[in-house]
N, C-alpha and C. Protein backbone atom coordinates (compact mmCIF):
# COMPACT_ATOMS: atom_id res chain seq x y z
N UNK A 1 -55.81 -5.38 -43.48
CA UNK A 1 -56.55 -5.64 -44.75
C UNK A 1 -55.58 -6.30 -45.81
N UNK A 2 -56.09 -7.40 -46.32
CA UNK A 2 -55.37 -8.15 -47.29
C UNK A 2 -55.93 -7.92 -48.73
N UNK A 3 -55.02 -7.68 -49.62
CA UNK A 3 -55.45 -7.49 -51.05
C UNK A 3 -54.64 -8.50 -51.89
N UNK A 4 -55.37 -9.46 -52.58
CA UNK A 4 -54.79 -10.52 -53.39
C UNK A 4 -54.64 -9.84 -54.74
N UNK A 5 -53.41 -9.81 -55.31
CA UNK A 5 -53.25 -9.28 -56.63
C UNK A 5 -52.98 -10.40 -57.56
N UNK A 6 -53.92 -10.51 -58.56
CA UNK A 6 -53.80 -11.68 -59.47
C UNK A 6 -53.10 -11.33 -60.66
N UNK A 7 -51.92 -10.92 -60.55
CA UNK A 7 -50.93 -10.64 -61.64
C UNK A 7 -49.65 -11.36 -61.27
N UNK A 8 -49.07 -11.96 -62.34
CA UNK A 8 -47.87 -12.75 -62.06
C UNK A 8 -46.63 -11.73 -62.06
N UNK A 9 -45.95 -11.64 -60.95
CA UNK A 9 -44.76 -10.82 -60.91
C UNK A 9 -43.69 -11.47 -60.16
N UNK A 10 -42.45 -11.01 -60.31
CA UNK A 10 -41.38 -11.56 -59.54
C UNK A 10 -41.54 -11.08 -58.11
N UNK A 11 -40.77 -11.58 -57.19
CA UNK A 11 -40.90 -11.11 -55.78
C UNK A 11 -40.66 -9.70 -55.65
N UNK A 12 -39.58 -9.21 -56.26
CA UNK A 12 -39.23 -7.78 -56.20
C UNK A 12 -40.24 -6.84 -56.84
N UNK A 13 -40.79 -7.26 -57.99
CA UNK A 13 -41.92 -6.50 -58.59
C UNK A 13 -43.14 -6.55 -57.68
N UNK A 14 -43.42 -7.59 -57.10
CA UNK A 14 -44.59 -7.66 -56.17
C UNK A 14 -44.44 -6.73 -54.93
N UNK A 15 -43.22 -6.75 -54.50
CA UNK A 15 -43.02 -5.87 -53.35
C UNK A 15 -43.11 -4.39 -53.75
N UNK A 16 -42.52 -4.03 -54.89
CA UNK A 16 -42.65 -2.71 -55.40
C UNK A 16 -44.04 -2.31 -55.63
N UNK A 17 -44.84 -3.22 -56.18
CA UNK A 17 -46.36 -2.91 -56.51
C UNK A 17 -46.99 -2.64 -55.12
N UNK A 18 -46.82 -3.48 -54.12
CA UNK A 18 -47.48 -3.23 -52.82
C UNK A 18 -46.95 -1.84 -52.18
N UNK A 19 -45.75 -1.64 -52.29
CA UNK A 19 -45.31 -0.32 -51.66
C UNK A 19 -45.61 0.84 -52.46
N UNK A 20 -45.79 0.69 -53.69
CA UNK A 20 -46.28 1.87 -54.54
C UNK A 20 -47.74 2.23 -54.22
N UNK A 21 -48.37 1.28 -53.57
CA UNK A 21 -49.87 1.49 -53.18
C UNK A 21 -49.97 1.55 -51.76
N UNK A 22 -48.89 2.05 -50.98
CA UNK A 22 -48.96 2.24 -49.57
C UNK A 22 -49.26 0.94 -48.80
N UNK A 23 -48.81 -0.12 -49.22
CA UNK A 23 -49.02 -1.45 -48.66
C UNK A 23 -47.56 -2.17 -48.52
N UNK A 24 -47.64 -3.43 -48.01
CA UNK A 24 -46.34 -4.21 -48.09
C UNK A 24 -46.83 -5.68 -48.36
N UNK A 25 -45.85 -6.38 -48.85
CA UNK A 25 -46.20 -7.82 -48.93
C UNK A 25 -46.56 -8.43 -47.56
N UNK A 26 -47.45 -9.31 -47.54
CA UNK A 26 -48.11 -9.80 -46.37
C UNK A 26 -47.03 -10.45 -45.47
N UNK A 27 -47.06 -10.24 -44.23
CA UNK A 27 -46.27 -10.87 -43.19
C UNK A 27 -47.16 -11.82 -42.34
N UNK A 28 -46.94 -13.11 -42.38
CA UNK A 28 -47.83 -14.05 -41.71
C UNK A 28 -47.20 -14.36 -40.38
N UNK A 29 -47.59 -13.59 -39.39
CA UNK A 29 -46.96 -13.68 -38.03
C UNK A 29 -47.84 -14.47 -37.05
N UNK A 30 -48.93 -15.05 -37.47
CA UNK A 30 -49.69 -15.72 -36.44
C UNK A 30 -50.61 -16.75 -37.23
N UNK A 31 -51.22 -17.70 -36.48
CA UNK A 31 -52.13 -18.71 -37.08
C UNK A 31 -53.35 -18.02 -37.64
N UNK A 32 -53.81 -16.84 -37.01
CA UNK A 32 -55.01 -16.15 -37.43
C UNK A 32 -54.67 -15.48 -38.83
N UNK A 33 -53.44 -14.84 -39.02
CA UNK A 33 -53.14 -14.28 -40.30
C UNK A 33 -52.95 -15.35 -41.36
N UNK A 34 -52.37 -16.53 -40.94
CA UNK A 34 -52.36 -17.68 -41.91
C UNK A 34 -53.75 -18.05 -42.39
N UNK A 35 -54.72 -18.10 -41.53
CA UNK A 35 -56.10 -18.42 -41.88
C UNK A 35 -56.65 -17.33 -42.80
N UNK A 36 -56.42 -16.13 -42.56
CA UNK A 36 -56.86 -14.96 -43.51
C UNK A 36 -56.23 -15.09 -44.82
N UNK A 37 -54.97 -15.43 -44.90
CA UNK A 37 -54.30 -15.64 -46.18
C UNK A 37 -54.93 -16.83 -46.88
N UNK A 38 -55.16 -17.94 -46.16
CA UNK A 38 -55.72 -19.13 -46.84
C UNK A 38 -57.06 -18.75 -47.38
N UNK A 39 -57.95 -18.03 -46.60
CA UNK A 39 -59.29 -17.68 -47.07
C UNK A 39 -59.23 -16.79 -48.34
N UNK A 40 -58.23 -15.84 -48.38
CA UNK A 40 -58.08 -15.00 -49.54
C UNK A 40 -57.81 -15.82 -50.80
N UNK A 41 -56.85 -16.88 -50.63
CA UNK A 41 -56.50 -17.65 -51.72
C UNK A 41 -57.61 -18.55 -52.19
N UNK A 42 -58.41 -19.04 -51.24
CA UNK A 42 -59.36 -19.92 -51.63
C UNK A 42 -60.53 -19.30 -52.39
N UNK A 43 -60.71 -18.05 -52.11
CA UNK A 43 -61.69 -17.23 -52.78
C UNK A 43 -61.44 -16.84 -54.24
N UNK A 44 -60.13 -17.03 -54.64
CA UNK A 44 -59.74 -16.54 -55.90
C UNK A 44 -59.12 -17.76 -56.68
N UNK A 45 -59.05 -17.50 -57.94
CA UNK A 45 -58.39 -18.53 -58.88
C UNK A 45 -56.93 -17.93 -59.00
N UNK A 46 -55.97 -18.48 -58.32
CA UNK A 46 -54.62 -17.97 -58.21
C UNK A 46 -53.63 -18.85 -58.85
N UNK A 47 -52.40 -18.39 -58.90
CA UNK A 47 -51.28 -19.30 -59.37
C UNK A 47 -50.98 -20.31 -58.45
N UNK A 48 -50.21 -21.25 -58.87
CA UNK A 48 -49.79 -22.40 -57.91
C UNK A 48 -49.13 -21.97 -56.63
N UNK A 49 -48.51 -20.89 -56.67
CA UNK A 49 -47.84 -20.31 -55.50
C UNK A 49 -48.24 -18.78 -55.38
N UNK A 50 -48.20 -18.29 -54.23
CA UNK A 50 -48.43 -16.80 -54.06
C UNK A 50 -47.39 -16.29 -53.12
N UNK A 51 -46.71 -15.14 -53.55
CA UNK A 51 -45.62 -14.59 -52.84
C UNK A 51 -46.14 -14.02 -51.45
N UNK A 52 -45.30 -14.25 -50.48
CA UNK A 52 -45.40 -13.67 -49.13
C UNK A 52 -44.34 -12.67 -48.94
N UNK A 53 -44.37 -11.88 -47.87
CA UNK A 53 -43.28 -10.88 -47.66
C UNK A 53 -42.07 -11.55 -46.87
N UNK A 54 -41.72 -12.72 -47.30
CA UNK A 54 -40.70 -13.50 -46.59
C UNK A 54 -39.47 -13.60 -47.51
N UNK A 55 -38.33 -13.30 -46.86
CA UNK A 55 -37.02 -13.25 -47.57
C UNK A 55 -35.95 -13.97 -46.81
N UNK A 56 -35.04 -14.57 -47.53
CA UNK A 56 -33.86 -15.33 -46.95
C UNK A 56 -32.59 -14.52 -47.09
N UNK A 57 -31.94 -14.34 -45.93
CA UNK A 57 -30.55 -13.76 -45.98
C UNK A 57 -29.56 -14.90 -45.93
N UNK A 58 -28.79 -15.02 -47.06
CA UNK A 58 -27.71 -15.98 -46.97
C UNK A 58 -26.52 -15.68 -46.01
N UNK A 59 -26.28 -14.41 -45.91
CA UNK A 59 -25.25 -13.87 -45.09
C UNK A 59 -25.55 -14.20 -43.61
N UNK A 60 -26.74 -14.00 -43.18
CA UNK A 60 -27.15 -14.27 -41.81
C UNK A 60 -27.65 -15.73 -41.66
N UNK A 61 -28.07 -16.35 -42.74
CA UNK A 61 -28.66 -17.71 -42.67
C UNK A 61 -30.06 -17.75 -42.00
N UNK A 62 -30.84 -16.68 -42.15
CA UNK A 62 -32.13 -16.63 -41.54
C UNK A 62 -33.21 -16.21 -42.58
N UNK A 63 -34.46 -16.49 -42.16
CA UNK A 63 -35.60 -15.96 -42.88
C UNK A 63 -36.18 -14.78 -42.12
N UNK A 64 -36.65 -13.73 -42.87
CA UNK A 64 -37.25 -12.58 -42.20
C UNK A 64 -38.34 -12.03 -42.93
N UNK A 65 -39.24 -11.24 -42.27
CA UNK A 65 -40.38 -10.57 -43.00
C UNK A 65 -39.88 -9.22 -43.45
N UNK A 66 -40.41 -8.72 -44.52
CA UNK A 66 -40.08 -7.46 -45.14
C UNK A 66 -40.39 -6.32 -44.16
N UNK A 67 -41.38 -6.51 -43.26
CA UNK A 67 -41.67 -5.53 -42.25
C UNK A 67 -40.69 -5.39 -41.14
N UNK A 68 -39.64 -6.19 -41.25
CA UNK A 68 -38.64 -6.17 -40.18
C UNK A 68 -38.75 -7.18 -39.07
N UNK A 69 -39.86 -7.95 -38.98
CA UNK A 69 -40.09 -8.82 -37.96
C UNK A 69 -39.33 -10.17 -38.21
N UNK A 70 -38.86 -10.80 -37.12
CA UNK A 70 -38.22 -12.12 -37.34
C UNK A 70 -39.42 -13.17 -37.59
N UNK A 71 -39.00 -14.28 -37.98
CA UNK A 71 -40.10 -15.37 -38.20
C UNK A 71 -40.25 -16.20 -36.92
N UNK A 72 -41.32 -15.90 -36.17
CA UNK A 72 -41.59 -16.65 -34.89
C UNK A 72 -42.62 -17.76 -35.29
N UNK A 73 -43.81 -17.34 -35.78
CA UNK A 73 -44.75 -18.30 -36.35
C UNK A 73 -44.35 -18.78 -37.73
N UNK A 74 -44.43 -20.03 -37.99
CA UNK A 74 -44.23 -20.56 -39.37
C UNK A 74 -45.09 -21.61 -39.76
N UNK A 75 -45.20 -21.82 -41.07
CA UNK A 75 -46.00 -22.83 -41.61
C UNK A 75 -45.22 -23.52 -42.92
N UNK A 76 -44.01 -23.86 -42.63
CA UNK A 76 -43.26 -24.44 -43.67
C UNK A 76 -43.78 -25.83 -43.97
N UNK A 77 -43.74 -26.26 -45.25
CA UNK A 77 -44.19 -27.49 -45.71
C UNK A 77 -43.41 -28.53 -45.01
N UNK A 78 -43.89 -29.60 -44.56
CA UNK A 78 -43.19 -30.68 -43.84
C UNK A 78 -42.19 -31.30 -44.80
N UNK A 79 -42.43 -31.38 -46.12
CA UNK A 79 -41.51 -32.05 -47.00
C UNK A 79 -40.47 -31.06 -47.49
N UNK A 80 -40.43 -29.90 -46.95
CA UNK A 80 -39.41 -28.87 -47.39
C UNK A 80 -38.48 -28.54 -46.30
N UNK A 81 -37.16 -28.63 -46.59
CA UNK A 81 -36.13 -28.28 -45.65
C UNK A 81 -35.60 -26.86 -45.95
N UNK A 82 -36.13 -25.90 -45.16
CA UNK A 82 -35.68 -24.45 -45.47
C UNK A 82 -34.19 -24.21 -45.11
N UNK A 83 -33.55 -25.09 -44.44
CA UNK A 83 -32.11 -24.86 -44.17
C UNK A 83 -31.13 -25.31 -45.27
N UNK A 84 -31.76 -25.92 -46.27
CA UNK A 84 -30.96 -26.40 -47.45
C UNK A 84 -30.96 -25.43 -48.67
N UNK A 85 -31.46 -24.22 -48.43
CA UNK A 85 -31.47 -23.19 -49.50
C UNK A 85 -30.05 -22.99 -50.06
N UNK A 86 -29.98 -22.98 -51.39
CA UNK A 86 -28.72 -22.65 -51.97
C UNK A 86 -28.55 -21.24 -52.11
N UNK A 87 -27.34 -20.63 -51.70
CA UNK A 87 -27.09 -19.34 -51.67
C UNK A 87 -26.18 -18.83 -52.71
N UNK A 88 -25.75 -19.77 -53.62
CA UNK A 88 -24.78 -19.29 -54.63
C UNK A 88 -25.24 -18.65 -55.88
N UNK A 89 -26.58 -19.04 -56.21
CA UNK A 89 -27.02 -18.68 -57.51
C UNK A 89 -28.12 -17.65 -57.49
N UNK A 90 -29.19 -17.78 -56.69
CA UNK A 90 -30.29 -16.93 -56.67
C UNK A 90 -30.76 -16.59 -55.34
N UNK A 91 -31.37 -15.42 -55.15
CA UNK A 91 -31.94 -15.04 -53.92
C UNK A 91 -33.20 -15.71 -53.81
N UNK A 92 -33.46 -16.27 -52.62
CA UNK A 92 -34.80 -17.02 -52.30
C UNK A 92 -35.75 -16.29 -51.49
N UNK A 93 -37.07 -16.32 -51.79
CA UNK A 93 -38.09 -15.61 -51.12
C UNK A 93 -39.20 -16.67 -50.79
N UNK A 94 -40.08 -16.33 -49.86
CA UNK A 94 -41.04 -17.35 -49.42
C UNK A 94 -42.38 -17.12 -50.12
N UNK A 95 -42.95 -18.28 -50.48
CA UNK A 95 -44.31 -18.29 -51.13
C UNK A 95 -45.13 -19.37 -50.47
N UNK A 96 -46.39 -19.16 -50.57
CA UNK A 96 -47.36 -20.17 -49.99
C UNK A 96 -47.78 -21.05 -51.17
N UNK A 97 -47.69 -22.35 -50.97
CA UNK A 97 -48.11 -23.26 -51.92
C UNK A 97 -49.64 -23.39 -51.94
N UNK A 98 -50.30 -23.11 -52.89
CA UNK A 98 -51.79 -22.96 -52.82
C UNK A 98 -52.53 -24.28 -52.64
N UNK A 99 -51.91 -25.38 -53.08
CA UNK A 99 -52.68 -26.60 -52.96
C UNK A 99 -52.75 -27.17 -51.47
N UNK A 100 -51.86 -26.63 -50.61
CA UNK A 100 -51.91 -27.16 -49.24
C UNK A 100 -51.59 -25.96 -48.27
N UNK A 101 -51.47 -24.74 -48.70
CA UNK A 101 -51.27 -23.61 -47.85
C UNK A 101 -50.00 -23.66 -47.03
N UNK A 102 -49.03 -24.33 -47.42
CA UNK A 102 -47.74 -24.43 -46.73
C UNK A 102 -46.82 -23.50 -47.39
N UNK A 103 -45.81 -23.09 -46.59
CA UNK A 103 -44.74 -22.13 -47.18
C UNK A 103 -43.69 -23.03 -47.71
N UNK A 104 -43.04 -22.44 -48.87
CA UNK A 104 -41.94 -23.02 -49.52
C UNK A 104 -41.02 -21.80 -49.96
N UNK A 105 -39.84 -22.24 -50.19
CA UNK A 105 -38.83 -21.12 -50.76
C UNK A 105 -38.90 -21.32 -52.30
N UNK A 106 -38.81 -20.14 -52.98
CA UNK A 106 -38.75 -20.16 -54.42
C UNK A 106 -37.75 -19.06 -54.88
N UNK A 107 -37.12 -19.30 -56.11
CA UNK A 107 -36.31 -18.21 -56.56
C UNK A 107 -37.09 -17.01 -56.77
N UNK A 108 -36.53 -15.78 -56.38
CA UNK A 108 -37.29 -14.59 -56.38
C UNK A 108 -37.64 -14.14 -57.85
N UNK A 109 -36.91 -14.82 -58.83
CA UNK A 109 -37.30 -14.44 -60.26
C UNK A 109 -38.54 -15.19 -60.78
N UNK A 110 -39.11 -16.18 -59.99
CA UNK A 110 -40.34 -16.86 -60.44
C UNK A 110 -41.40 -15.77 -60.39
N UNK A 111 -42.49 -16.06 -61.17
CA UNK A 111 -43.55 -15.07 -61.26
C UNK A 111 -44.82 -15.72 -60.76
N UNK A 112 -45.43 -15.11 -59.72
CA UNK A 112 -46.61 -15.52 -59.12
C UNK A 112 -47.61 -14.44 -58.68
N UNK A 113 -48.78 -14.70 -58.34
CA UNK A 113 -49.75 -13.73 -57.79
C UNK A 113 -49.03 -13.48 -56.35
N UNK A 114 -49.66 -12.40 -55.71
CA UNK A 114 -49.10 -12.00 -54.39
C UNK A 114 -50.16 -11.41 -53.57
N UNK A 115 -49.93 -11.22 -52.23
CA UNK A 115 -50.87 -10.60 -51.33
C UNK A 115 -50.12 -9.41 -50.68
N UNK A 116 -50.84 -8.29 -50.79
CA UNK A 116 -50.37 -7.09 -50.11
C UNK A 116 -51.22 -6.92 -48.80
N UNK A 117 -50.62 -6.28 -47.83
CA UNK A 117 -51.31 -6.08 -46.56
C UNK A 117 -51.25 -4.55 -46.24
N UNK A 118 -52.24 -4.03 -45.57
CA UNK A 118 -52.24 -2.66 -45.08
C UNK A 118 -52.43 -2.59 -43.69
């Protein structure tokens, strides 16, 4: 079950909101889940980006889902190089760009709508 929250929160605030309601930020681990996320976004008037449960580890140099899964399926924007993320200033988290439903990296302090899953 996906729940789109139309409140602008930082990535950490969004994660806390989901977990306080016995959910988690959504992990998009398949094309089917990507379609469900896309449909949820299309049905609502949302921010330019929507937070996913996707986090970057500078130490390990990998992206991972907050539910512990590694990223096997992905939908990174073709014009975005996820391997060039800067690790010196801010933690990066994954968001879906609503105009084309592609994933991009954003500073976790940005404020966007988000999707929780149960």
